[in-house]
Amino acid sequence: MNNDQNLFSHREAEPEESVLYVVGTPIGNLNDISSRAINILNKVSVIACEDTRNTSKLLKNFDITNKLISYHKFNSSKKINYLLTQLKSGASIALVSDAGMPLISDPGELLVKEVKKNGFDVICVPGACAALSALISSGFTSSQFTFYGFMPKSGKEREILLETIADSKLTTIIYESPKRLIRVLKDLKTSCGGAREIVVMKELTKKYEQHFDANINEILDIFSSNTPKGEFTIVISGNNIKKDEKTIIQEEIKKELIDLINAGLSHSAASKYLSKKLKKPKKDIYRLFNKNDLK
């Protein structure tokens, strides 16, 4: 066998005993499943899946009959001991989610930690991932990026994350449901500015896959007149505002802050008002002003 052939091998013709296989499944197009994944799903002792109904449909497509048990975020703590007992008895287990790679905005992280803590091997059988598929198709910098999954629905955590995305020089990837797409686009416009370039991808790998490449203002216009349907992955370009341009923005905020203070608001009250208006942390606005600025 030459060196080129040595680059590739069939690691397991049969699943190994007492191993947890984390198996990637299609995110839409069934042809994206690997022959290795099919082999593992066919031959492991048991498959732990997010929803037995969905996984049953997948297995049926590939003529796979195997034992299924449900493992999702609501029963994970109860099922972990059972799965560990199975591993201790020599069983091999495959973990799958409804679509894509388990653990990527899907259940499985706690199980993997516990399995490794108990001295068992965890082997990934890679497959499709919406985040990576979107990143590669976006045209944005892909050598460094940040993935946040689904945004927090509300509160301080959401505000902080939006501010982090706004300031980041790296490409950012998030997931969003159709019901909340308009809201997240409006929040991104407030935090990042309407001119920030983004790509919104709908129904990746599926029959009606669509990509919308534009700035936030233009994307908002598109979806404001067309009710969002399907699953969305959003890729946001890094912040390329030069330092001097950012300084200009800060000076504009500072001027508005001083105008409010001169109009009679306290430093704290004026900062709080602008924080809500601009959706920026109050402490960052507060620091832009000191008493000497009124002299």
Protein backbone atom coordinates (compact mmCIF):
# COMPACT_ATOMS: atom_id res chain seq x y z
CA MET A 1 0.00 0.00 0.00
CA ASN A 2 1.47 3.40 -0.97
CA ASN A 3 1.57 6.51 1.23
CA ASP A 4 -1.51 8.04 -0.42
CA GLN A 5 -3.54 4.96 0.40
CA ASN A 6 -2.33 5.08 4.00
CA LEU A 7 -4.10 8.44 4.41
CA PHE A 8 -7.43 6.63 4.47
CA SER A 9 -8.58 3.61 6.40
CA HIS A 10 -11.69 1.85 7.68
CA ARG A 11 -11.17 2.26 11.40
CA GLU A 12 -14.04 0.04 12.43
CA ALA A 13 -15.67 -2.66 10.34
CA GLU A 14 -17.58 -3.42 13.52
CA PRO A 15 -18.29 -0.96 16.36
CA GLU A 16 -15.93 -1.37 19.28
CA GLU A 17 -17.24 -2.51 22.64
CA SER A 18 -17.90 0.07 25.40
CA VAL A 19 -17.62 3.04 23.02
CA LEU A 20 -19.96 6.00 22.57
CA TYR A 21 -20.19 7.01 18.91
CA VAL A 22 -21.40 10.57 18.28
CA VAL A 23 -22.90 10.31 14.82
CA GLY A 24 -23.70 13.12 12.40
CA THR A 25 -26.92 12.73 10.42
CA PRO A 26 -28.30 14.75 7.46
CA ILE A 27 -29.66 18.25 8.05
CA GLY A 28 -31.94 17.95 5.04
CA ASN A 29 -30.49 16.04 2.11
CA LEU A 30 -30.43 12.32 2.92
CA ASN A 31 -27.48 11.81 0.56
CA ASP A 32 -25.26 13.67 3.02
CA ILE A 33 -25.10 10.73 5.42
CA SER A 34 -21.81 8.82 5.25
CA SER A 35 -21.43 5.08 4.65
CA ARG A 36 -19.52 4.96 7.96
CA ALA A 37 -22.49 6.50 9.80
CA ILE A 38 -24.85 3.96 8.20
CA ASN A 39 -22.54 1.12 9.24
CA ILE A 40 -22.32 2.35 12.86
CA LEU A 41 -26.07 2.94 13.17
CA ASN A 42 -26.72 -0.51 11.79
CA LYS A 43 -24.34 -2.36 14.09
CA VAL A 44 -24.17 -0.62 17.49
CA SER A 45 -25.97 -2.18 20.44
CA VAL A 46 -28.35 0.75 20.86
CA ILE A 47 -29.03 4.20 19.38
CA ALA A 48 -29.76 7.10 21.75
CA CYS A 49 -31.74 9.70 19.83
CA GLU A 50 -33.44 13.03 20.41
CA ASP A 51 -36.79 11.85 19.04
CA THR A 52 -37.42 8.17 18.27
CA ARG A 53 -40.05 9.07 15.68
CA ASN A 54 -37.67 11.21 13.63
CA THR A 55 -34.79 8.77 13.89
CA SER A 56 -37.06 5.85 12.95
CA LYS A 57 -37.87 7.63 9.67
CA LEU A 58 -34.16 8.15 8.98
CA LEU A 59 -33.30 4.52 9.70
CA LYS A 60 -36.16 3.29 7.54
CA ASN A 61 -34.67 5.14 4.55
CA PHE A 62 -31.51 3.08 4.89
CA ASP A 63 -33.11 -0.22 5.87
CA ILE A 64 -31.62 -0.05 9.34
CA THR A 65 -33.37 -1.86 12.18
CA ASN A 66 -31.89 -1.23 15.61
CA LYS A 67 -32.93 -0.56 19.17
CA LEU A 68 -33.77 3.10 19.88
CA ILE A 69 -34.04 4.91 23.20
CA SER A 70 -34.97 8.56 23.64
CA TYR A 71 -32.29 10.91 24.93
CA HIS A 72 -33.12 14.61 24.99
CA LYS A 73 -32.62 17.67 27.18
CA PHE A 74 -35.66 16.85 29.34
CA ASN A 75 -34.67 13.28 30.26
CA SER A 76 -30.88 13.37 29.87
CA SER A 77 -30.09 13.23 33.60
CA LYS A 78 -32.31 10.13 33.99
CA LYS A 79 -30.95 8.29 30.96
CA ILE A 80 -27.22 8.85 31.56
CA ASN A 81 -26.95 6.18 34.28
CA TYR A 82 -28.69 3.67 32.02
CA LEU A 83 -26.33 4.43 29.13
CA LEU A 84 -23.28 4.20 31.40
CA THR A 85 -24.50 0.81 32.63
CA GLN A 86 -24.77 -0.33 29.02
CA LEU A 87 -21.20 0.78 28.30
CA LYS A 88 -19.94 -1.01 31.42
CA SER A 89 -21.57 -4.20 30.15
CA GLY A 90 -19.66 -3.90 26.87
CA ALA A 91 -22.37 -2.35 24.71
CA SER A 92 -21.61 0.12 21.93
CA ILE A 93 -23.86 3.20 21.72
CA ALA A 94 -24.57 5.68 18.94
CA LEU A 95 -25.79 9.16 19.88
CA VAL A 96 -27.73 11.08 17.23
CA SER A 97 -29.82 14.26 17.17
CA ASP A 98 -32.81 14.99 14.96
CA ALA A 99 -30.49 16.51 12.35
CA GLY A 100 -26.82 17.34 11.99
CA MET A 101 -24.12 16.92 14.61
CA PRO A 102 -25.16 16.14 18.19
CA LEU A 103 -24.00 18.71 20.81
CA ILE A 104 -24.09 21.59 18.26
CA SER A 105 -27.16 23.36 19.72
CA ASP A 106 -28.46 19.87 20.46
CA PRO A 107 -28.41 17.48 23.45
CA GLY A 108 -25.38 15.34 24.25
CA GLU A 109 -22.77 17.49 25.98
CA LEU A 110 -23.53 16.16 29.47
CA LEU A 111 -23.51 12.55 28.24
CA VAL A 112 -20.14 12.94 26.53
CA LYS A 113 -18.64 14.50 29.68
CA GLU A 114 -19.93 11.68 31.89
CA VAL A 115 -18.84 8.95 29.49
CA LYS A 116 -15.31 10.33 29.35
CA LYS A 117 -15.27 10.87 33.12
CA ASN A 118 -16.04 7.17 33.53
CA GLY A 119 -13.11 6.18 31.34
CA PHE A 120 -14.90 5.20 28.14
CA ASP A 121 -13.94 6.31 24.64
CA VAL A 122 -16.01 8.81 22.67
CA ILE A 123 -15.58 8.63 18.89
CA CYS A 124 -17.09 11.19 16.52
CA VAL A 125 -18.50 9.99 13.20
CA PRO A 126 -18.63 13.38 11.45
CA GLY A 127 -21.49 14.57 9.29
CA ALA A 128 -23.44 17.60 8.12
CA CYS A 129 -23.53 20.78 10.20
CA ALA A 130 -25.66 23.83 9.32
CA ALA A 131 -23.24 26.28 10.95
CA LEU A 132 -20.22 25.11 8.96
CA SER A 133 -22.19 24.72 5.72
CA ALA A 134 -23.41 28.30 6.06
CA LEU A 135 -19.97 29.66 6.93
CA ILE A 136 -18.34 28.04 3.90
CA SER A 137 -21.06 29.32 1.56
CA SER A 138 -21.09 32.85 3.00
CA GLY A 139 -17.93 34.21 1.41
CA PHE A 140 -16.89 35.75 4.74
CA THR A 141 -13.62 35.04 6.52
CA SER A 142 -13.68 31.41 7.64
CA SER A 143 -10.22 30.90 9.15
CA GLN A 144 -11.54 32.30 12.44
CA PHE A 145 -15.18 32.51 13.46
CA THR A 146 -17.55 32.40 16.42
CA PHE A 147 -20.67 30.27 16.72
CA TYR A 148 -23.37 31.12 19.27
CA GLY A 149 -26.24 28.80 18.32
CA PHE A 150 -29.64 30.25 19.19
CA MET A 151 -29.66 33.73 20.72
CA PRO A 152 -30.96 34.17 24.30
CA LYS A 153 -34.61 35.18 23.95
CA SER A 154 -34.40 38.29 26.13
CA GLY A 155 -32.70 40.04 29.02
CA LYS A 156 -29.18 41.18 29.80
CA GLU A 157 -27.61 38.06 28.33
CA ARG A 158 -29.09 38.87 24.92
CA GLU A 159 -27.97 42.51 25.11
CA ILE A 160 -24.41 41.53 25.99
CA LEU A 161 -24.23 38.99 23.17
CA LEU A 162 -25.53 41.50 20.62
CA GLU A 163 -22.86 43.97 21.75
CA THR A 164 -20.21 41.25 21.51
CA ILE A 165 -21.27 40.42 17.95
CA ALA A 166 -21.27 44.11 17.03
CA ASP A 167 -17.67 44.59 18.20
CA SER A 168 -16.25 41.27 17.00
CA LYS A 169 -13.76 41.27 14.14
CA LEU A 170 -14.56 37.62 13.52
CA THR A 171 -17.32 36.13 11.39
CA THR A 172 -20.29 35.19 13.60
CA ILE A 173 -22.81 32.38 13.05
CA ILE A 174 -26.18 32.09 14.80
CA TYR A 175 -29.34 30.03 14.36
CA GLU A 176 -32.86 31.48 14.47
CA SER A 177 -36.43 30.28 14.17
CA PRO A 178 -38.80 31.85 11.61
CA LYS A 179 -40.93 33.35 14.39
CA ARG A 180 -38.00 35.33 15.80
CA LEU A 181 -36.09 36.13 12.60
CA ILE A 182 -37.44 39.68 12.17
CA ARG A 183 -36.73 40.50 15.79
CA VAL A 184 -33.13 39.30 15.68
CA LEU A 185 -32.54 41.22 12.44
CA LYS A 186 -33.87 44.41 14.05
CA ASP A 187 -31.66 43.85 17.10
CA LEU A 188 -28.64 43.24 14.87
CA LYS A 189 -29.42 46.46 13.01
CA THR A 190 -29.45 48.39 16.28
CA SER A 191 -26.24 46.85 17.60
CA CYS A 192 -24.22 46.39 14.39
CA GLY A 193 -25.68 49.08 12.16
CA GLY A 194 -27.82 48.53 9.08
CA ALA A 195 -24.81 48.55 6.74
CA ARG A 196 -23.24 45.39 8.26
CA GLU A 197 -23.03 42.61 5.65
CA ILE A 198 -24.80 39.36 6.50
CA VAL A 199 -25.97 36.20 4.77
CA VAL A 200 -29.25 34.61 5.82
CA MET A 201 -29.59 30.99 4.71
CA LYS A 202 -32.88 29.14 4.68
CA GLU A 203 -33.45 25.37 4.67
CA LEU A 204 -29.81 24.39 4.11
CA THR A 205 -29.30 21.27 1.90
CA LYS A 206 -33.06 20.95 1.37
CA LYS A 207 -35.02 21.29 -1.88
CA TYR A 208 -35.92 24.93 -1.29
CA GLU A 209 -32.56 26.11 0.06
CA GLN A 210 -32.13 29.88 -0.35
CA HIS A 211 -29.34 32.35 0.40
CA PHE A 212 -29.94 36.06 0.99
CA ASP A 213 -26.69 38.05 0.69
CA ALA A 214 -27.00 41.75 1.55
CA ASN A 215 -26.64 44.21 4.40
CA ILE A 216 -28.95 44.10 7.42
CA ASN A 217 -31.18 46.92 6.12
CA GLU A 218 -31.78 45.13 2.83
CA ILE A 219 -32.38 41.74 4.45
CA LEU A 220 -34.90 43.33 6.83
CA ASP A 221 -36.78 44.78 3.86
CA ILE A 222 -36.93 41.35 2.22
CA PHE A 223 -38.37 39.55 5.23
CA SER A 224 -40.61 42.39 6.35
CA SER A 225 -42.63 41.87 3.17
CA ASN A 226 -42.29 38.06 3.08
CA THR A 227 -43.29 36.01 6.12
CA PRO A 228 -40.24 33.96 7.20
CA LYS A 229 -40.72 30.19 6.91
CA GLY A 230 -38.26 27.37 7.49
CA GLU A 231 -35.08 27.11 9.56
CA PHE A 232 -32.54 29.91 9.35
CA THR A 233 -28.78 30.18 9.77
CA ILE A 234 -27.36 33.70 9.89
CA VAL A 235 -23.73 34.52 9.11
CA ILE A 236 -22.58 38.01 10.13
CA SER A 237 -19.43 39.61 8.76
CA GLY A 238 -16.81 40.83 11.21
CA ASN A 239 -16.71 44.45 12.33
CA ASN A 240 -14.40 46.24 9.89
CA ILE A 241 -15.05 49.77 11.18
CA LYS A 242 -11.69 51.46 11.48
CA LYS A 243 -10.63 52.80 14.84
CA ASP A 244 -11.09 56.43 13.81
CA GLU A 245 -14.62 55.70 12.54
CA LYS A 246 -15.47 54.00 15.83
CA THR A 247 -14.14 57.02 17.67
CA ILE A 248 -16.46 59.26 15.63
CA ILE A 249 -19.42 57.12 16.68
CA GLN A 250 -18.38 57.34 20.34
CA GLU A 251 -18.04 61.11 20.06
CA GLU A 252 -21.55 61.37 18.63
CA ILE A 253 -22.90 59.36 21.58
CA LYS A 254 -20.89 61.50 24.00
CA LYS A 255 -22.29 64.69 22.46
CA GLU A 256 -25.85 63.39 22.89
CA LEU A 257 -25.03 62.41 26.47
CA ILE A 258 -23.75 65.90 27.27
CA ASP A 259 -26.82 67.49 25.64
CA LEU A 260 -29.09 65.41 27.88
CA ILE A 261 -27.10 66.36 30.98
CA ASN A 262 -27.23 70.05 30.00
CA ALA A 263 -30.99 69.64 29.59
CA GLY A 264 -31.27 68.61 33.24
CA LEU A 265 -30.84 64.83 33.40
CA SER A 266 -28.32 63.34 35.79
CA HIS A 267 -25.25 61.58 34.41
CA SER A 268 -26.75 58.23 35.44
CA ALA A 269 -30.22 58.94 34.06
CA ALA A 270 -28.86 60.20 30.73
CA SER A 271 -26.65 57.11 30.40
CA LYS A 272 -29.56 54.83 31.20
CA TYR A 273 -31.75 56.55 28.60
CA LEU A 274 -29.12 56.22 25.85
CA SER A 275 -28.40 52.65 26.88
CA LYS A 276 -32.03 51.70 26.20
CA LYS A 277 -32.22 53.80 23.04
CA LEU A 278 -29.00 52.48 21.49
CA LYS A 279 -29.07 49.03 23.14
CA LYS A 280 -25.56 49.49 24.41
CA PRO A 281 -24.30 48.71 27.95
CA LYS A 282 -24.98 51.64 30.29
CA LYS A 283 -21.47 51.43 31.78
CA ASP A 284 -19.88 51.99 28.33
CA ILE A 285 -21.97 55.11 27.76
CA TYR A 286 -21.44 56.35 31.32
CA ARG A 287 -17.64 56.21 30.88
CA LEU A 288 -17.73 58.51 27.86
CA PHE A 289 -18.41 61.53 30.08
CA ASN A 290 -16.67 63.21 32.97
CA LYS A 291 -17.44 66.48 34.77
CA ASN A 292 -14.64 68.33 33.02
CA ASP A 293 -16.55 67.97 29.75
CA LEU A 294 -19.04 70.60 30.98
CA LYS A 295 -16.37 73.26 31.50
